Amino acid sequence: MSVLKELKDFMMRGNVVDLAVGVIVGGAFGKIVSSLVSDIIMPPIGVVLGGVDFSDLKFVLKDAIGDAAAVSINYGTFIQTVLDFVIIATAIFFAIKGMNKLQTKKEEAPVTPPAPTKEEQLLSEIRDLLKEQNKK
């Protein structure tokens, strides 16, 4: 088998195609959720907290001197990232939960054993007759 044929077989597997679709849709969904967090949810939280912008919170370790930039620990950016993660995870949880409710679950029909074939019926009759003969 040539390497190109193996590569084609690998790329056309259902799992690879499903993964590619999932990554593309996930990227688009990520943009929607990021916009929801930064444009809709975080502004009211900032107002409730007195107009605090988390990304501006930091500890300055060394002030800027001349051309050298200030050295700081930007804990506000970390807080913002953690809040974004929590909100995104919550939004995804509820989206998946909603999608699962929309999916119709297939009701499995009770499994009935297949009817015995004609040969099986004859063999059963022969077995029963042999048992009766052995009893006599």
Protein backbone atom coordinates (compact mmCIF):
# COMPACT_ATOMS: atom_id res chain seq x y z
CA MET A 1 0.00 0.00 0.00
CA SER A 2 1.46 3.33 -0.95
CA VAL A 3 1.99 6.07 1.59
CA LEU A 4 -0.38 8.40 -0.28
CA LYS A 5 -3.17 5.82 -0.17
CA GLU A 6 -2.59 5.28 3.55
CA LEU A 7 -2.66 9.04 4.11
CA LYS A 8 -5.89 9.36 2.13
CA ASP A 9 -7.48 6.50 4.10
CA PHE A 10 -6.41 8.12 7.37
CA MET A 11 -7.74 11.55 6.44
CA MET A 12 -11.06 10.20 5.24
CA ARG A 13 -11.80 8.26 8.41
CA GLY A 14 -14.94 9.43 10.13
CA ASN A 15 -13.10 10.36 13.32
CA VAL A 16 -10.69 12.71 11.57
CA VAL A 17 -13.45 14.48 9.65
CA ASP A 18 -15.61 14.73 12.79
CA LEU A 19 -12.67 16.17 14.71
CA ALA A 20 -12.02 18.76 12.01
CA VAL A 21 -15.67 19.82 12.01
CA GLY A 22 -15.64 19.97 15.82
CA VAL A 23 -12.56 22.19 15.87
CA ILE A 24 -14.04 24.60 13.31
CA VAL A 25 -17.43 24.81 15.04
CA GLY A 26 -15.72 25.04 18.43
CA GLY A 27 -13.63 27.97 17.24
CA ALA A 28 -16.68 29.82 16.00
CA PHE A 29 -18.58 29.03 19.21
CA GLY A 30 -15.60 30.23 21.24
CA LYS A 31 -15.78 33.62 19.54
CA ILE A 32 -19.49 33.88 20.35
CA VAL A 33 -18.95 32.99 23.99
CA SER A 34 -15.95 35.34 24.29
CA SER A 35 -18.07 38.18 22.93
CA LEU A 36 -20.86 37.27 25.35
CA VAL A 37 -18.42 37.42 28.26
CA SER A 38 -16.51 40.56 27.32
CA ASP A 39 -19.33 42.60 25.76
CA ILE A 40 -22.44 41.58 27.71
CA ILE A 41 -21.60 39.96 31.04
CA MET A 42 -18.46 41.76 32.21
CA PRO A 43 -19.65 45.40 31.80
CA PRO A 44 -22.49 45.01 34.35
CA ILE A 45 -20.13 43.22 36.74
CA GLY A 46 -17.70 46.12 36.37
CA VAL A 47 -20.49 48.62 37.15
CA VAL A 48 -21.58 46.63 40.22
CA LEU A 49 -17.99 46.64 41.45
CA GLY A 50 -17.73 50.39 41.00
CA GLY A 51 -16.36 50.57 37.49
CA VAL A 52 -13.34 48.40 38.24
CA ASP A 53 -11.69 47.04 35.14
CA PHE A 54 -10.01 43.82 36.23
CA SER A 55 -7.37 43.99 33.54
CA ASP A 56 -5.99 47.20 35.07
CA LEU A 57 -5.36 45.65 38.49
CA LYS A 58 -1.67 45.02 39.16
CA PHE A 59 1.14 45.18 41.70
CA VAL A 60 3.93 47.42 40.50
CA LEU A 61 7.26 45.92 41.53
CA LYS A 62 9.42 48.53 39.83
CA ASP A 63 8.28 51.81 38.31
CA ALA A 64 9.15 52.76 34.76
CA ILE A 65 12.49 54.54 34.52
CA GLY A 66 13.28 56.30 31.28
CA ASP A 67 12.78 53.91 28.37
CA ALA A 68 12.53 50.85 30.63
CA ALA A 69 8.97 49.64 31.14
CA ALA A 70 7.51 49.11 34.58
CA VAL A 71 7.73 45.66 36.09
CA SER A 72 4.39 44.53 37.48
CA ILE A 73 2.35 41.49 38.44
CA ASN A 74 -0.87 41.78 36.45
CA TYR A 75 -3.22 39.86 38.74
CA GLY A 76 -6.24 41.64 37.25
CA THR A 77 -5.63 40.01 33.90
CA PHE A 78 -5.46 36.66 35.68
CA ILE A 79 -8.74 37.34 37.50
CA GLN A 80 -10.35 38.35 34.19
CA THR A 81 -9.10 35.17 32.51
CA VAL A 82 -10.39 32.98 35.35
CA LEU A 83 -13.81 34.69 35.23
CA ASP A 84 -13.90 34.28 31.46
CA PHE A 85 -13.13 30.57 31.86
CA VAL A 86 -15.85 30.06 34.47
CA ILE A 87 -18.44 31.89 32.38
CA ILE A 88 -17.42 30.08 29.18
CA ALA A 89 -17.48 26.68 30.91
CA THR A 90 -20.93 27.47 32.33
CA ALA A 91 -22.24 28.59 28.94
CA ILE A 92 -20.90 25.46 27.25
CA PHE A 93 -22.38 23.27 30.00
CA PHE A 94 -25.85 24.74 29.49
CA ALA A 95 -25.53 24.62 25.69
CA ILE A 96 -24.59 20.92 25.77
CA LYS A 97 -27.32 20.22 28.32
CA GLY A 98 -29.88 21.90 26.04
CA MET A 99 -28.64 20.02 22.99
CA ASN A 100 -28.88 16.73 24.87
CA LYS A 101 -32.52 17.47 25.76
CA LEU A 102 -33.31 18.23 22.13
CA GLN A 103 -31.91 14.94 20.90
CA THR A 104 -34.50 12.25 20.74
CA LYS A 105 -33.40 9.14 22.51
CA LYS A 106 -33.97 5.99 20.58
CA GLU A 107 -36.11 3.61 22.54
CA GLU A 108 -34.62 0.19 22.30
CA ALA A 109 -37.19 -2.42 21.36
CA PRO A 110 -37.24 -5.40 23.67
CA VAL A 111 -35.07 -8.09 22.24
CA THR A 112 -37.10 -11.15 21.42
CA PRO A 113 -35.25 -14.31 20.60
CA PRO A 114 -35.71 -15.41 17.01
CA ALA A 115 -38.15 -18.23 16.40
CA PRO A 116 -36.45 -21.62 16.20
CA THR A 117 -35.75 -22.86 12.72
CA LYS A 118 -37.37 -26.00 11.34
CA GLU A 119 -34.17 -27.99 11.93
CA GLU A 120 -34.02 -26.84 15.57
CA GLN A 121 -37.64 -27.87 16.11
CA LEU A 122 -36.97 -31.31 14.63
CA LEU A 123 -33.83 -31.73 16.73
CA SER A 124 -35.78 -30.77 19.86
CA GLU A 125 -38.43 -33.35 19.04
CA ILE A 126 -35.77 -36.02 18.47
CA ARG A 127 -34.11 -35.10 21.78
CA ASP A 128 -37.41 -35.35 23.62
CA LEU A 129 -38.18 -38.74 22.02
CA LEU A 130 -34.73 -40.06 23.02
CA LYS A 131 -35.28 -38.90 26.59
CA GLU A 132 -38.63 -40.75 26.69
CA GLN A 133 -37.01 -43.93 25.34
CA ASN A 134 -34.27 -43.81 27.97
CA LYS A 135 -36.85 -43.49 30.76
CA LYS A 136 -38.66 -46.69 29.66
